[in-house]
Amino acid sequence: MSSEHPITAHTNFMDIAFAEAEAAAARGEVPVGAVVVLDGVAIAKAGNRTRELNDPTAHAEMLAIRDACTILGQERLTGADLHVTLEPCAMCAGAISFARIRRLYFGAEDEKGGAVFNGPRFFSSPTCHHAPETYAGFSEQRSADLLRAFFRRQRI
């Protein structure tokens, strides 16, 4: 068991997610990063790669979940936590639910594309089979600033 204060641990995992988001931005991708954590260890991480892979499902969350499942050799991530820089969309929320992620931590809310606290509120749906404990607002301003700067550069 880690002696780190829980907020510090979550901040450190968010730092990993932000490194992935920044790498995604450098590749011309929307800057979103995610990391899967199991037993206090980051086991998989990813940033968006939709353009690079020509794959609309290559969101950071999807890629990190796929990698974690491959590493563990199983389709469920029971007991794992997911840290992501932006509120997941409906597709990613579905994958989080099906993977049985224990806890979801995210940075900024996404009023247009988010599906956790915004839009369809996937985990509150009666058809949702598993809803993780969900915590928002981790490095929220940092996430919002990264996204704003990215889209401002796209318009130039």
Protein backbone atom coordinates (compact mmCIF):
# COMPACT_ATOMS: atom_id res chain seq x y z
CA MET A 1 0.00 0.00 0.00
CA SER A 2 1.34 3.39 -0.98
CA SER A 3 2.12 5.94 1.70
CA GLU A 4 1.30 8.74 -0.75
CA HIS A 5 -1.66 10.94 -0.03
CA PRO A 6 -4.49 9.88 -2.40
CA ILE A 7 -4.72 13.32 -4.03
CA THR A 8 -0.99 13.25 -4.74
CA ALA A 9 -1.26 9.79 -6.29
CA HIS A 10 -4.14 10.91 -8.52
CA THR A 11 -2.25 14.05 -9.48
CA ASN A 12 0.76 11.93 -10.48
CA PHE A 13 -1.41 9.66 -12.62
CA MET A 14 -3.01 12.72 -14.19
CA ASP A 15 0.52 13.95 -14.99
CA ILE A 16 1.02 10.75 -16.98
CA ALA A 17 -2.31 11.34 -18.76
CA PHE A 18 -1.26 14.92 -19.53
CA ALA A 19 2.05 13.76 -20.98
CA GLU A 20 0.03 11.51 -23.32
CA ALA A 21 -2.32 14.41 -24.17
CA GLU A 22 0.61 16.69 -24.96
CA ALA A 23 2.17 14.00 -27.17
CA ALA A 24 -1.16 13.67 -28.96
CA ALA A 25 -1.25 17.43 -29.58
CA ALA A 26 2.29 17.28 -30.98
CA ARG A 27 1.02 14.66 -33.47
CA GLY A 28 -1.87 16.95 -34.46
CA GLU A 29 -4.42 14.94 -32.49
CA VAL A 30 -6.98 16.39 -30.09
CA PRO A 31 -4.99 16.49 -26.83
CA VAL A 32 -6.59 13.84 -24.64
CA GLY A 33 -4.60 11.35 -22.60
CA ALA A 34 -5.54 8.40 -20.44
CA VAL A 35 -3.85 5.97 -18.06
CA VAL A 36 -5.13 2.71 -16.57
CA VAL A 37 -3.98 2.08 -13.01
CA LEU A 38 -4.15 -1.25 -11.19
CA ASP A 39 -2.96 -1.72 -7.62
CA GLY A 40 -1.30 1.70 -7.67
CA VAL A 41 0.68 0.99 -10.86
CA ALA A 42 0.12 2.60 -14.26
CA ILE A 43 -0.21 -0.45 -16.52
CA ALA A 44 -1.30 1.22 -19.78
CA LYS A 45 -1.37 4.74 -21.17
CA ALA A 46 -2.35 6.37 -24.42
CA GLY A 47 -3.18 9.59 -26.17
CA ASN A 48 -5.64 10.14 -28.99
CA ARG A 49 -4.56 8.61 -32.34
CA THR A 50 -7.70 8.91 -34.47
CA ARG A 51 -5.97 10.78 -37.31
CA GLU A 52 -2.74 8.83 -37.20
CA LEU A 53 -4.54 5.47 -37.33
CA ASN A 54 -7.48 6.62 -39.47
CA ASP A 55 -9.65 5.11 -36.77
CA PRO A 56 -12.54 7.04 -35.18
CA THR A 57 -12.42 4.65 -32.19
CA ALA A 58 -8.75 5.40 -31.39
CA HIS A 59 -9.59 7.67 -28.45
CA ALA A 60 -7.09 7.73 -25.58
CA GLU A 61 -9.44 5.82 -23.27
CA MET A 62 -10.13 3.10 -25.84
CA LEU A 63 -6.44 2.59 -26.60
CA ALA A 64 -5.44 2.50 -22.92
CA ILE A 65 -8.24 0.05 -22.09
CA ARG A 66 -7.27 -2.20 -25.04
CA ASP A 67 -3.62 -2.18 -23.99
CA ALA A 68 -4.45 -2.94 -20.36
CA CYS A 69 -6.69 -5.85 -21.39
CA THR A 70 -3.95 -7.22 -23.64
CA ILE A 71 -1.33 -6.87 -20.90
CA LEU A 72 -3.56 -8.66 -18.38
CA GLY A 73 -4.88 -11.20 -20.88
CA GLN A 74 -8.51 -10.54 -20.01
CA GLU A 75 -11.46 -8.48 -21.21
CA ARG A 76 -12.34 -6.99 -17.82
CA LEU A 77 -10.36 -4.55 -15.73
CA THR A 78 -12.11 -5.13 -12.42
CA GLY A 79 -10.29 -3.19 -9.72
CA ALA A 80 -8.59 -0.85 -12.19
CA ASP A 81 -8.95 2.92 -12.28
CA LEU A 82 -8.88 5.15 -15.34
CA HIS A 83 -7.45 8.67 -15.29
CA VAL A 84 -8.28 10.79 -18.33
CA THR A 85 -7.81 14.46 -19.09
CA LEU A 86 -11.30 15.03 -20.54
CA GLU A 87 -14.77 13.72 -19.76
CA PRO A 88 -15.28 10.54 -21.81
CA CYS A 89 -17.66 10.44 -24.79
CA ALA A 90 -20.49 7.90 -25.09
CA MET A 91 -18.28 5.36 -26.90
CA CYS A 92 -15.59 5.54 -24.25
CA ALA A 93 -18.11 5.50 -21.41
CA GLY A 94 -19.51 2.29 -22.90
CA ALA A 95 -16.04 0.74 -23.03
CA ILE A 96 -15.36 1.83 -19.44
CA SER A 97 -18.58 0.16 -18.34
CA PHE A 98 -17.97 -3.06 -20.30
CA ALA A 99 -14.38 -3.24 -19.00
CA ARG A 100 -15.75 -2.92 -15.45
CA ILE A 101 -13.39 -0.07 -14.57
CA ARG A 102 -13.67 0.53 -10.81
CA ARG A 103 -13.09 4.29 -10.71
CA LEU A 104 -12.97 7.03 -13.31
CA TYR A 105 -11.07 10.26 -12.66
CA PHE A 106 -11.19 12.99 -15.28
CA GLY A 107 -10.09 16.57 -15.75
CA ALA A 108 -12.37 18.92 -17.66
CA GLU A 109 -16.01 18.33 -18.40
CA ASP A 110 -16.97 18.25 -22.08
CA GLU A 111 -20.30 19.99 -22.56
CA LYS A 112 -20.49 19.09 -26.26
CA GLY A 113 -19.13 15.56 -26.40
CA GLY A 114 -19.04 14.29 -22.84
CA ALA A 115 -21.33 11.45 -21.78
CA VAL A 116 -20.68 11.14 -18.06
CA PHE A 117 -21.95 14.37 -16.47
CA ASN A 118 -23.12 15.86 -19.77
CA GLY A 119 -25.10 14.61 -22.76
CA PRO A 120 -26.54 11.12 -22.31
CA ARG A 121 -25.04 10.61 -18.82
CA PHE A 122 -24.23 7.05 -19.79
CA PHE A 123 -23.55 5.68 -16.31
CA SER A 124 -26.96 6.90 -15.07
CA SER A 125 -28.80 5.10 -17.86
CA PRO A 126 -30.96 2.14 -16.84
CA THR A 127 -29.30 0.11 -19.60
CA CYS A 128 -25.81 0.63 -18.14
CA HIS A 129 -24.62 -2.67 -16.64
CA HIS A 130 -21.73 -1.22 -14.61
CA ALA A 131 -21.08 2.33 -13.47
CA PRO A 132 -17.66 3.20 -12.03
CA GLU A 133 -17.23 5.55 -9.13
CA THR A 134 -16.66 8.83 -10.95
CA TYR A 135 -14.65 11.87 -9.89
CA ALA A 136 -14.28 15.03 -11.98
CA GLY A 137 -12.17 18.15 -11.81
CA PHE A 138 -8.65 16.70 -11.52
CA SER A 139 -6.37 19.34 -13.12
CA GLU A 140 -9.50 20.72 -14.79
CA GLN A 141 -7.99 24.09 -15.68
CA ARG A 142 -4.85 22.48 -17.12
CA SER A 143 -6.99 20.26 -19.33
CA ALA A 144 -9.21 23.12 -20.49
CA ASP A 145 -6.17 25.30 -21.24
CA LEU A 146 -4.49 22.53 -23.24
CA LEU A 147 -7.62 21.99 -25.35
CA ARG A 148 -8.21 25.72 -25.91
CA ALA A 149 -4.59 26.27 -26.99
CA PHE A 150 -4.79 23.30 -29.38
CA PHE A 151 -7.98 24.50 -31.07
CA ARG A 152 -6.72 28.09 -31.19
CA ARG A 153 -3.63 26.84 -33.11
CA GLN A 154 -5.90 24.88 -35.48
CA ARG A 155 -7.75 28.05 -36.45
CA ILE A 156 -4.57 29.97 -37.34
